[in-house]
PDB file of N, CA and C in Angstrom:
ATOM      1  N   UNK A   1       0.831  -1.103   0.227  1.00  0.00           N
ATOM      2  CA  UNK A   1       0.048   0.000  -0.075  1.00  0.00           C
ATOM      3  C   UNK A   1       0.896   1.050   0.180  1.00  0.00           C
ATOM      4  N   UNK A   2       0.154   2.045  -0.462  1.00  0.00           N
ATOM      5  CA  UNK A   2       0.724   3.562  -0.403  1.00  0.00           C
ATOM      6  C   UNK A   2       1.920   3.777  -1.380  1.00  0.00           C
ATOM      7  N   UNK A   3       2.604   2.952  -2.253  1.00  0.00           N
ATOM      8  CA  UNK A   3       3.583   3.549  -3.093  1.00  0.00           C
ATOM      9  C   UNK A   3       3.115   4.252  -4.201  1.00  0.00           C
ATOM     10  N   UNK A   4       3.150   5.607  -4.204  1.00  0.00           N
ATOM     11  CA  UNK A   4       2.571   6.247  -5.185  1.00  0.00           C
ATOM     12  C   UNK A   4       0.964   6.459  -5.229  1.00  0.00           C
ATOM     13  N   UNK A   5       0.580   6.061  -4.083  1.00  0.00           N
ATOM     14  CA  UNK A   5      -1.089   6.160  -4.300  1.00  0.00           C
ATOM     15  C   UNK A   5      -1.534   7.277  -3.055  1.00  0.00           C
ATOM     16  N   UNK A   6      -2.363   7.904  -3.534  1.00  0.00           N
ATOM     17  CA  UNK A   6      -2.876   9.144  -2.588  1.00  0.00           C
ATOM     18  C   UNK A   6      -3.826   8.493  -1.583  1.00  0.00           C
ATOM     19  N   UNK A   7      -4.313   9.168  -0.818  1.00  0.00           N
ATOM     20  CA  UNK A   7      -5.226   8.758   0.573  1.00  0.00           C
ATOM     21  C   UNK A   7      -6.209   7.921  -0.261  1.00  0.00           C
ATOM     22  N   UNK A   8      -7.173   8.545  -1.111  1.00  0.00           N
ATOM     23  CA  UNK A   8      -8.265   7.910  -1.644  1.00  0.00           C
ATOM     24  C   UNK A   8      -7.910   6.719  -2.433  1.00  0.00           C
ATOM     25  N   UNK A   9      -6.630   6.837  -2.961  1.00  0.00           N
ATOM     26  CA  UNK A   9      -6.786   5.361  -3.754  1.00  0.00           C
ATOM     27  C   UNK A   9      -6.273   4.389  -2.527  1.00  0.00           C
ATOM     28  N   UNK A  10      -5.691   4.392  -1.571  1.00  0.00           N
ATOM     29  CA  UNK A  10      -5.423   3.500  -0.555  1.00  0.00           C
ATOM     30  C   UNK A  10      -6.815   3.212  -0.140  1.00  0.00           C
ATOM     31  N   UNK A  11      -7.678   3.937   0.151  1.00  0.00           N
ATOM     32  CA  UNK A  11      -8.907   3.447   0.914  1.00  0.00           C
ATOM     33  C   UNK A  11      -9.751   2.862  -0.070  1.00  0.00           C
ATOM     34  N   UNK A  12      -9.597   3.321  -1.560  1.00  0.00           N
ATOM     35  CA  UNK A  12     -10.426   2.377  -2.576  1.00  0.00           C
ATOM     36  C   UNK A  12      -9.744   1.062  -2.732  1.00  0.00           C
ATOM     37  N   UNK A  13      -8.632   0.895  -2.515  1.00  0.00           N
ATOM     38  CA  UNK A  13      -8.058  -0.533  -2.562  1.00  0.00           C
ATOM     39  C   UNK A  13      -8.683  -1.184  -1.536  1.00  0.00           C
ATOM     40  N   UNK A  14      -8.854  -0.824  -0.358  1.00  0.00           N
ATOM     41  CA  UNK A  14      -9.168  -1.324   1.000  1.00  0.00           C
ATOM     42  C   UNK A  14     -10.316  -2.004   0.336  1.00  0.00           C
ATOM     43  N   UNK A  15     -11.342  -1.022  -0.137  1.00  0.00           N
ATOM     44  CA  UNK A  15     -12.602  -1.605  -0.327  1.00  0.00           C
ATOM     45  C   UNK A  15     -12.738  -2.357  -1.519  1.00  0.00           C
ATOM     46  N   UNK A  16     -12.029  -2.215  -2.335  1.00  0.00           N
ATOM     47  CA  UNK A  16     -12.125  -3.639  -3.396  1.00  0.00           C
ATOM     48  C   UNK A  16     -11.130  -4.935  -3.132  1.00  0.00           C
ATOM     49  N   UNK A  17     -10.838  -4.841  -1.995  1.00  0.00           N
ATOM     50  CA  UNK A  17     -10.016  -6.342  -1.591  1.00  0.00           C
ATOM     51  C   UNK A  17     -11.341  -7.446  -2.045  1.00  0.00           C
ATOM     52  N   UNK A  18     -12.477  -7.313  -1.592  1.00  0.00           N
ATOM     53  CA  UNK A  18     -13.347  -8.320  -1.967  1.00  0.00           C
ATOM     54  C   UNK A  18     -13.305  -8.726  -3.442  1.00  0.00           C
ATOM     55  N   UNK A  19     -12.835  -7.914  -4.219  1.00  0.00           N
ATOM     56  CA  UNK A  19     -12.921  -8.060  -5.644  1.00  0.00           C
ATOM     57  C   UNK A  19     -11.519  -8.808  -6.111  1.00  0.00           C
ATOM     58  N   UNK A  20     -10.595  -8.498  -5.711  1.00  0.00           N
ATOM     59  CA  UNK A  20      -9.383  -9.415  -5.509  1.00  0.00           C
ATOM     60  C   UNK A  20      -9.463 -10.826  -5.147  1.00  0.00           C
ATOM     61  N   UNK A  21      -9.954 -10.773  -3.984  1.00  0.00           N
ATOM     62  CA  UNK A  21      -9.986 -12.098  -3.330  1.00  0.00           C
ATOM     63  C   UNK A  21     -10.748 -13.160  -4.329  1.00  0.00           C
ATOM     64  N   UNK A  22     -11.543 -12.471  -5.467  1.00  0.00           N
ATOM     65  CA  UNK A  22     -12.346 -13.366  -6.471  1.00  0.00           C
ATOM     66  C   UNK A  22     -11.188 -14.184  -7.024  1.00  0.00           C
ATOM     67  N   UNK A  23      -9.853 -13.544  -7.133  1.00  0.00           N
ATOM     68  CA  UNK A  23      -8.943 -14.032  -8.453  1.00  0.00           C
ATOM     69  C   UNK A  23      -8.590 -15.288  -7.764  1.00  0.00           C
ATOM     70  N   UNK A  24      -8.603 -15.597  -6.384  1.00  0.00           N
ATOM     71  CA  UNK A  24      -8.195 -16.965  -5.714  1.00  0.00           C
ATOM     72  C   UNK A  24      -6.934 -17.087  -5.089  1.00  0.00           C
ATOM     73  N   UNK A  25      -6.311 -15.993  -4.939  1.00  0.00           N
ATOM     74  CA  UNK A  25      -4.898 -15.514  -4.496  1.00  0.00           C
ATOM     75  C   UNK A  25      -5.206 -15.264  -2.902  1.00  0.00           C
ATOM     76  N   UNK A  26      -3.680 -15.504  -2.013  1.00  0.00           N
ATOM     77  CA  UNK A  26      -4.086 -15.239  -0.543  1.00  0.00           C
ATOM     78  C   UNK A  26      -3.923 -13.358  -0.851  1.00  0.00           C
ATOM     79  N   UNK A  27      -4.575 -12.327  -0.056  1.00  0.00           N
ATOM     80  CA  UNK A  27      -4.335 -10.947  -0.151  1.00  0.00           C
ATOM     81  C   UNK A  27      -3.476 -10.656   1.029  1.00  0.00           C
ATOM     82  N   UNK A  28      -2.248  -9.993   1.070  1.00  0.00           N
ATOM     83  CA  UNK A  28      -1.613  -9.276   2.000  1.00  0.00           C
ATOM     84  C   UNK A  28      -2.116  -8.022   2.298  1.00  0.00           C
ATOM     85  N   UNK A  29      -1.853  -7.291   3.151  1.00  0.00           N
ATOM     86  CA  UNK A  29      -2.037  -5.970   3.516  1.00  0.00           C
ATOM     87  C   UNK A  29      -1.246  -5.609   4.276  1.00  0.00           C
ATOM     88  N   UNK A  30      -0.653  -4.158   4.164  1.00  0.00           N
ATOM     89  CA  UNK A  30       0.518  -3.995   5.179  1.00  0.00           C
ATOM     90  C   UNK A  30       0.434  -2.546   5.235  1.00  0.00           C
ATOM     91  N   UNK A  31      -0.718  -2.066   5.962  1.00  0.00           N
ATOM     92  CA  UNK A  31      -1.047  -0.656   6.188  1.00  0.00           C
ATOM     93  C   UNK A  31      -0.361   0.176   7.471  1.00  0.00           C
ATOM     94  N   UNK A  32       0.030  -0.938   8.171  1.00  0.00           N
ATOM     95  CA  UNK A  32       0.355  -0.643   9.384  1.00  0.00           C
ATOM     96  C   UNK A  32       1.244   0.734   9.752  1.00  0.00           C
ATOM     97  N   UNK A  33       1.201   1.901  10.104  1.00  0.00           N
ATOM     98  CA  UNK A  33       1.609   2.931  10.404  1.00  0.00           C
ATOM     99  C   UNK A  33       2.144   3.979   9.035  1.00  0.00           C
ATOM    100  N   UNK A  34       1.178   3.499   7.929  1.00  0.00           N
ATOM    101  CA  UNK A  34       1.375   3.994   6.653  1.00  0.00           C
ATOM    102  C   UNK A  34       0.942   5.368   7.076  1.00  0.00           C
ATOM    103  N   UNK A  35       1.512   6.493   6.114  1.00  0.00           N
ATOM    104  CA  UNK A  35       1.186   7.913   5.900  1.00  0.00           C
ATOM    105  C   UNK A  35      -0.575   7.895   5.784  1.00  0.00           C
ATOM    106  N   UNK A  36      -1.248   7.537   5.351  1.00  0.00           N
ATOM    107  CA  UNK A  36      -2.482   7.495   4.702  1.00  0.00           C
ATOM    108  C   UNK A  36      -3.451   7.870   5.909  1.00  0.00           C
ATOM    109  N   UNK A  37      -2.788   6.708   6.996  1.00  0.00           N
ATOM    110  CA  UNK A  37      -3.778   6.609   8.206  1.00  0.00           C
ATOM    111  C   UNK A  37      -3.005   7.760   9.123  1.00  0.00           C
ATOM    112  N   UNK A  38      -1.934   8.086   9.082  1.00  0.00           N
ATOM    113  CA  UNK A  38      -1.449   9.593   9.569  1.00  0.00           C
ATOM    114  C   UNK A  38      -2.306  10.748   9.279  1.00  0.00           C
ATOM    115  N   UNK A  39      -2.628  10.725   7.887  1.00  0.00           N
ATOM    116  CA  UNK A  39      -3.168  11.734   7.186  1.00  0.00           C
ATOM    117  C   UNK A  39      -4.642  11.720   7.920  1.00  0.00           C
ATOM    118  N   UNK A  40      -5.405  10.703   7.828  1.00  0.00           N
ATOM    119  CA  UNK A  40      -6.690  10.912   8.435  1.00  0.00           C
ATOM    120  C   UNK A  40      -6.813  11.214   9.706  1.00  0.00           C
ATOM    121  N   UNK A  41      -5.940  10.512  10.452  1.00  0.00           N
ATOM    122  CA  UNK A  41      -5.739  11.033  12.078  1.00  0.00           C
ATOM    123  C   UNK A  41      -5.258  12.399  12.682  1.00  0.00           C
ATOM    124  N   UNK A  42      -4.371  12.889  11.408  1.00  0.00           N
ATOM    125  CA  UNK A  42      -3.608  13.751  11.721  1.00  0.00           C
ATOM    126  C   UNK A  42      -2.799  13.621  12.955  1.00  0.00           C
ATOM    127  N   UNK A  43      -1.898  12.421  12.820  1.00  0.00           N
ATOM    128  CA  UNK A  43      -1.006  11.955  13.747  1.00  0.00           C
ATOM    129  C   UNK A  43       0.298  11.392  13.258  1.00  0.00           C
ATOM    130  N   UNK A  44       1.338  11.673  14.238  1.00  0.00           N
ATOM    131  CA  UNK A  44       2.788  11.054  13.971  1.00  0.00           C
ATOM    132  C   UNK A  44       2.685   9.318  13.836  1.00  0.00           C
ATOM    133  N   UNK A  45       3.751   8.923  13.405  1.00  0.00           N
ATOM    134  CA  UNK A  45       3.806   7.541  13.395  1.00  0.00           C
ATOM    135  C   UNK A  45       2.995   6.449  14.724  1.00  0.00           C
ATOM    136  N   UNK A  46       4.124   7.332  16.144  1.00  0.00           N
ATOM    137  CA  UNK A  46       3.552   6.604  17.033  1.00  0.00           C
ATOM    138  C   UNK A  46       2.153   6.939  17.838  1.00  0.00           C
ATOM    139  N   UNK A  47       1.594   7.500  16.966  1.00  0.00           N
ATOM    140  CA  UNK A  47      -0.004   7.515  17.890  1.00  0.00           C
ATOM    141  C   UNK A  47      -0.919   7.311  16.539  1.00  0.00           C
ATOM    142  N   UNK A  48      -0.768   6.112  15.759  1.00  0.00           N
ATOM    143  CA  UNK A  48      -1.820   5.474  14.898  1.00  0.00           C
ATOM    144  C   UNK A  48      -2.290   4.134  15.033  1.00  0.00           C
ATOM    145  N   UNK A  49      -2.240   4.073  16.395  1.00  0.00           N
ATOM    146  CA  UNK A  49      -2.591   2.559  16.951  1.00  0.00           C
ATOM    147  C   UNK A  49      -4.107   2.467  16.258  1.00  0.00           C
ATOM    148  N   UNK A  50      -4.962   3.299  16.664  1.00  0.00           N
ATOM    149  CA  UNK A  50      -6.322   3.154  16.456  1.00  0.00           C
ATOM    150  C   UNK A  50      -6.758   2.969  14.775  1.00  0.00           C
ATOM    151  N   UNK A  51      -6.000   3.800  14.175  1.00  0.00           N
ATOM    152  CA  UNK A  51      -6.024   3.798  12.766  1.00  0.00           C
ATOM    153  C   UNK A  51      -5.465   2.567  12.170  1.00  0.00           C
ATOM    154  N   UNK A  52      -4.578   2.190  13.005  1.00  0.00           N
ATOM    155  CA  UNK A  52      -3.950   1.124  12.197  1.00  0.00           C
ATOM    156  C   UNK A  52      -5.124  -0.401  12.454  1.00  0.00           C
ATOM    157  N   UNK A  53      -5.393  -0.524  13.739  1.00  0.00           N
ATOM    158  CA  UNK A  53      -6.295  -1.260  14.002  1.00  0.00           C
ATOM    159  C   UNK A  53      -7.588  -1.343  13.169  1.00  0.00           C
ATOM    160  N   UNK A  54      -8.320   0.040  12.941  1.00  0.00           N
ATOM    161  CA  UNK A  54      -9.057  -0.088  11.976  1.00  0.00           C
ATOM    162  C   UNK A  54      -8.975  -0.251  10.736  1.00  0.00           C
ATOM    163  N   UNK A  55      -7.608  -0.120   9.901  1.00  0.00           N
ATOM    164  CA  UNK A  55      -7.529  -1.055   8.639  1.00  0.00           C
ATOM    165  C   UNK A  55      -7.300  -1.946   8.810  1.00  0.00           C
ATOM    166  N   UNK A  56      -6.864  -2.468   9.937  1.00  0.00           N
ATOM    167  CA  UNK A  56      -6.827  -4.175   9.672  1.00  0.00           C
ATOM    168  C   UNK A  56      -8.155  -4.828  10.002  1.00  0.00           C
ATOM    169  N   UNK A  57      -9.116  -4.289  10.764  1.00  0.00           N
ATOM    170  CA  UNK A  57     -10.213  -4.818  10.733  1.00  0.00           C
ATOM    171  C   UNK A  57     -10.735  -4.958   9.357  1.00  0.00           C
ATOM    172  N   UNK A  58     -11.157  -3.501   9.136  1.00  0.00           N
ATOM    173  CA  UNK A  58     -11.841  -3.600   7.507  1.00  0.00           C
ATOM    174  C   UNK A  58     -11.011  -4.173   6.863  1.00  0.00           C
ATOM    175  N   UNK A  59      -9.695  -4.373   6.563  1.00  0.00           N
ATOM    176  CA  UNK A  59      -9.242  -5.058   5.543  1.00  0.00           C
ATOM    177  C   UNK A  59      -9.776  -6.962   5.848  1.00  0.00           C
ATOM    178  N   UNK A  60      -9.425  -7.013   6.968  1.00  0.00           N
ATOM    179  CA  UNK A  60     -10.148  -8.597   7.333  1.00  0.00           C
ATOM    180  C   UNK A  60     -11.458  -8.956   6.903  1.00  0.00           C
ATOM    181  N   UNK A  61     -12.386  -7.875   7.178  1.00  0.00           N
ATOM    182  CA  UNK A  61     -13.549  -7.999   6.750  1.00  0.00           C
ATOM    183  C   UNK A  61     -14.016  -7.984   5.101  1.00  0.00           C
ATOM    184  N   UNK A  62     -12.844  -7.273   4.622  1.00  0.00           N
ATOM    185  CA  UNK A  62     -12.815  -7.362   3.080  1.00  0.00           C
ATOM    186  C   UNK A  62     -12.087  -8.143   2.171  1.00  0.00           C
ATOM    187  N   UNK A  63     -11.575  -9.182   2.860  1.00  0.00           N
ATOM    188  CA  UNK A  63     -10.939 -10.376   2.192  1.00  0.00           C
ATOM    189  C   UNK A  63      -9.616 -10.310   2.625  1.00  0.00           C
ATOM    190  N   UNK A  64      -8.570  -9.590   3.109  1.00  0.00           N
ATOM    191  CA  UNK A  64      -7.364  -9.878   3.264  1.00  0.00           C
ATOM    192  C   UNK A  64      -7.093 -11.295   4.382  1.00  0.00           C
ATOM    193  N   UNK A  65      -6.399 -12.111   3.804  1.00  0.00           N
ATOM    194  CA  UNK A  65      -5.933 -13.327   4.651  1.00  0.00           C
ATOM    195  C   UNK A  65      -4.671 -13.270   5.406  1.00  0.00           C
ATOM    196  N   UNK A  66      -3.892 -12.131   5.312  1.00  0.00           N
ATOM    197  CA  UNK A  66      -2.633 -11.976   5.694  1.00  0.00           C
ATOM    198  C   UNK A  66      -2.616 -10.285   6.190  1.00  0.00           C
ATOM    199  N   UNK A  67      -2.193 -10.075   7.249  1.00  0.00           N
ATOM    200  CA  UNK A  67      -2.022  -8.961   7.654  1.00  0.00           C
ATOM    201  C   UNK A  67      -0.744  -8.255   8.534  1.00  0.00           C
ATOM    202  N   UNK A  68       0.296  -7.711   7.971  1.00  0.00           N
ATOM    203  CA  UNK A  68       1.270  -7.260   8.381  1.00  0.00           C
ATOM    204  C   UNK A  68       1.116  -5.970   9.193  1.00  0.00           C
ATOM    205  N   UNK A  69       1.619  -6.187  10.522  1.00  0.00           N
ATOM    206  CA  UNK A  69       1.570  -5.065  11.344  1.00  0.00           C
ATOM    207  C   UNK A  69       2.609  -4.809  12.278  1.00  0.00           C
ATOM    208  N   UNK A  70       2.977  -3.947  13.024  1.00  0.00           N
ATOM    209  CA  UNK A  70       3.734  -3.808  13.932  1.00  0.00           C
ATOM    210  C   UNK A  70       3.045  -3.508  15.463  1.00  0.00           C
ATOM    211  N   UNK A  71       2.000  -3.679  15.384  1.00  0.00           N
ATOM    212  CA  UNK A  71       1.295  -3.737  16.864  1.00  0.00           C
ATOM    213  C   UNK A  71       0.697  -5.063  16.649  1.00  0.00           C
ATOM    214  N   UNK A  72       1.503  -6.207  17.096  1.00  0.00           N
ATOM    215  CA  UNK A  72       0.826  -8.079  16.848  1.00  0.00           C
ATOM    216  C   UNK A  72      -0.308  -7.994  18.087  1.00  0.00           C
ATOM    217  N   UNK A  73       0.033  -7.420  19.019  1.00  0.00           N
ATOM    218  CA  UNK A  73      -0.961  -7.912  20.136  1.00  0.00           C
ATOM    219  C   UNK A  73      -2.198  -7.514  20.017  1.00  0.00           C
ATOM    220  N   UNK A  74      -2.325  -6.045  19.667  1.00  0.00           N
ATOM    221  CA  UNK A  74      -3.359  -5.456  19.912  1.00  0.00           C
ATOM    222  C   UNK A  74      -4.027  -5.995  18.475  1.00  0.00           C
ATOM    223  N   UNK A  75      -3.470  -5.996  17.174  1.00  0.00           N
ATOM    224  CA  UNK A  75      -4.117  -6.257  16.423  1.00  0.00           C
ATOM    225  C   UNK A  75      -4.631  -7.835  16.310  1.00  0.00           C
ATOM    226  N   UNK A  76      -3.955  -8.612  16.803  1.00  0.00           N
ATOM    227  CA  UNK A  76      -4.488 -10.002  17.046  1.00  0.00           C
ATOM    228  C   UNK A  76      -6.109 -10.095  17.969  1.00  0.00           C
ATOM    229  N   UNK A  77      -5.767  -8.868  19.230  1.00  0.00           N
ATOM    230  CA  UNK A  77      -7.053  -8.938  19.876  1.00  0.00           C
ATOM    231  C   UNK A  77      -8.380  -8.492  19.169  1.00  0.00           C
ATOM    232  N   UNK A  78      -8.127  -7.559  18.345  1.00  0.00           N
ATOM    233  CA  UNK A  78      -9.011  -6.894  17.309  1.00  0.00           C
ATOM    234  C   UNK A  78      -9.732  -7.854  16.331  1.00  0.00           C
ATOM    235  N   UNK A  79      -8.777  -8.842  15.539  1.00  0.00           N
ATOM    236  CA  UNK A  79      -9.186  -9.916  14.706  1.00  0.00           C
ATOM    237  C   UNK A  79      -9.648 -10.652  15.310  1.00  0.00           C
ATOM    238  N   UNK A  80      -9.313 -11.301  16.499  1.00  0.00           N
ATOM    239  CA  UNK A  80     -10.237 -12.072  17.279  1.00  0.00           C
ATOM    240  C   UNK A  80     -11.805 -11.621  17.344  1.00  0.00           C
ATOM    241  N   UNK A  81     -11.842 -10.685  17.579  1.00  0.00           N
ATOM    242  CA  UNK A  81     -13.564 -10.125  17.686  1.00  0.00           C
ATOM    243  C   UNK A  81     -14.124 -10.343  16.243  1.00  0.00           C
ATOM    244  N   UNK A  82     -13.338 -10.015  15.390  1.00  0.00           N
ATOM    245  CA  UNK A  82     -13.908  -9.792  13.890  1.00  0.00           C
ATOM    246  C   UNK A  82     -14.316 -11.350  13.614  1.00  0.00           C
ATOM    247  N   UNK A  83     -13.431 -12.074  13.608  1.00  0.00           N
ATOM    248  CA  UNK A  83     -13.300 -13.785  13.794  1.00  0.00           C
ATOM    249  C   UNK A  83     -14.643 -14.385  14.212  1.00  0.00           C
ATOM    250  N   UNK A  84     -14.931 -13.850  15.494  1.00  0.00           N
ATOM    251  CA  UNK A  84     -15.743 -14.338  16.549  1.00  0.00           C
ATOM    252  C   UNK A  84     -17.302 -14.040  15.995  1.00  0.00           C
ATOM    253  N   UNK A  85     -17.033 -12.688  15.379  1.00  0.00           N
ATOM    254  CA  UNK A  85     -18.357 -12.438  14.890  1.00  0.00           C
ATOM    255  C   UNK A  85     -18.723 -12.921  13.360  1.00  0.00           C
ATOM    256  N   UNK A  86     -17.738 -12.961  12.647  1.00  0.00           N
ATOM    257  CA  UNK A  86     -17.822 -13.714  11.491  1.00  0.00           C
ATOM    258  C   UNK A  86     -18.354 -15.106  11.645  1.00  0.00           C
ATOM    259  N   UNK A  87     -17.884 -15.780  12.425  1.00  0.00           N
ATOM    260  CA  UNK A  87     -18.360 -17.492  12.901  1.00  0.00           C
ATOM    261  C   UNK A  87     -19.688 -17.358  13.475  1.00  0.00           C
ATOM    262  N   UNK A  88     -19.931 -16.408  14.458  1.00  0.00           N
ATOM    263  CA  UNK A  88     -21.642 -16.429  14.856  1.00  0.00           C
ATOM    264  C   UNK A  88     -22.447 -15.765  14.006  1.00  0.00           C
ATOM    265  N   UNK A  89     -22.232 -15.434  12.823  1.00  0.00           N
ATOM    266  CA  UNK A  89     -22.894 -14.914  11.553  1.00  0.00           C
ATOM    267  C   UNK A  89     -23.173 -16.171  10.790  1.00  0.00           C
ATOM    268  N   UNK A  90     -22.316 -17.026  10.472  1.00  0.00           N
ATOM    269  CA  UNK A  90     -22.332 -18.051   9.702  1.00  0.00           C
ATOM    270  C   UNK A  90     -22.916 -19.143  10.698  1.00  0.00           C
ATOM    271  N   UNK A  91     -23.066 -19.260  11.860  1.00  0.00           N
ATOM    272  CA  UNK A  91     -23.891 -20.108  12.657  1.00  0.00           C
ATOM    273  C   UNK A  91     -25.121 -19.920  13.089  1.00  0.00           C
ATOM    274  N   UNK A  92     -25.244 -18.185  12.035  1.00  0.00           N
ATOM    275  CA  UNK A  92     -26.524 -18.173  12.815  1.00  0.00           C
ATOM    276  C   UNK A  92     -26.939 -17.812  14.321  1.00  0.00           C
ATOM    277  N   UNK A  93     -25.965 -17.223  14.948  1.00  0.00           N
ATOM    278  CA  UNK A  93     -26.350 -16.880  16.291  1.00  0.00           C
ATOM    279  C   UNK A  93     -25.705 -17.613  17.302  1.00  0.00           C
ATOM    280  N   UNK A  94     -25.439 -19.256  16.923  1.00  0.00           N
ATOM    281  CA  UNK A  94     -24.954 -20.011  17.796  1.00  0.00           C
ATOM    282  C   UNK A  94     -23.348 -20.374  17.804  1.00  0.00           C
ATOM    283  N   UNK A  95     -22.876 -20.259  18.718  1.00  0.00           N
ATOM    284  CA  UNK A  95     -21.716 -20.427  18.801  1.00  0.00           C
ATOM    285  C   UNK A  95     -20.909 -21.428  20.153  1.00  0.00           C
ATOM    286  N   UNK A  96     -20.504 -22.444  19.385  1.00  0.00           N
ATOM    287  CA  UNK A  96     -20.159 -23.514  20.755  1.00  0.00           C
ATOM    288  C   UNK A  96     -18.566 -23.810  21.045  1.00  0.00           C
ATOM    289  N   UNK A  97     -18.291 -23.570  22.107  1.00  0.00           N
ATOM    290  CA  UNK A  97     -16.875 -23.513  22.261  1.00  0.00           C
ATOM    291  C   UNK A  97     -15.984 -22.160  22.342  1.00  0.00           C
TER     292      UNK A  97
END
């Protein structure tokens, strides 16, 4: 992400991940600490955790299978919630175990 793309192009790429997923290849997103996150939050690199988490969650929801991050522990926790909700939705409200 971000190589020669502006803010809107990065956002568009995230929302088109589901289209890319149809090609049948694993999708890797590496948006952690990127400039576009800082632009949206008006924040320096060390103050982008919330933005990084949001991008990771949305990317996972849109089809990314691999997410490269700096804040591993926090991202794993956020994605655990996403995966739980996805599983709950697939099981129509019933989670066992």
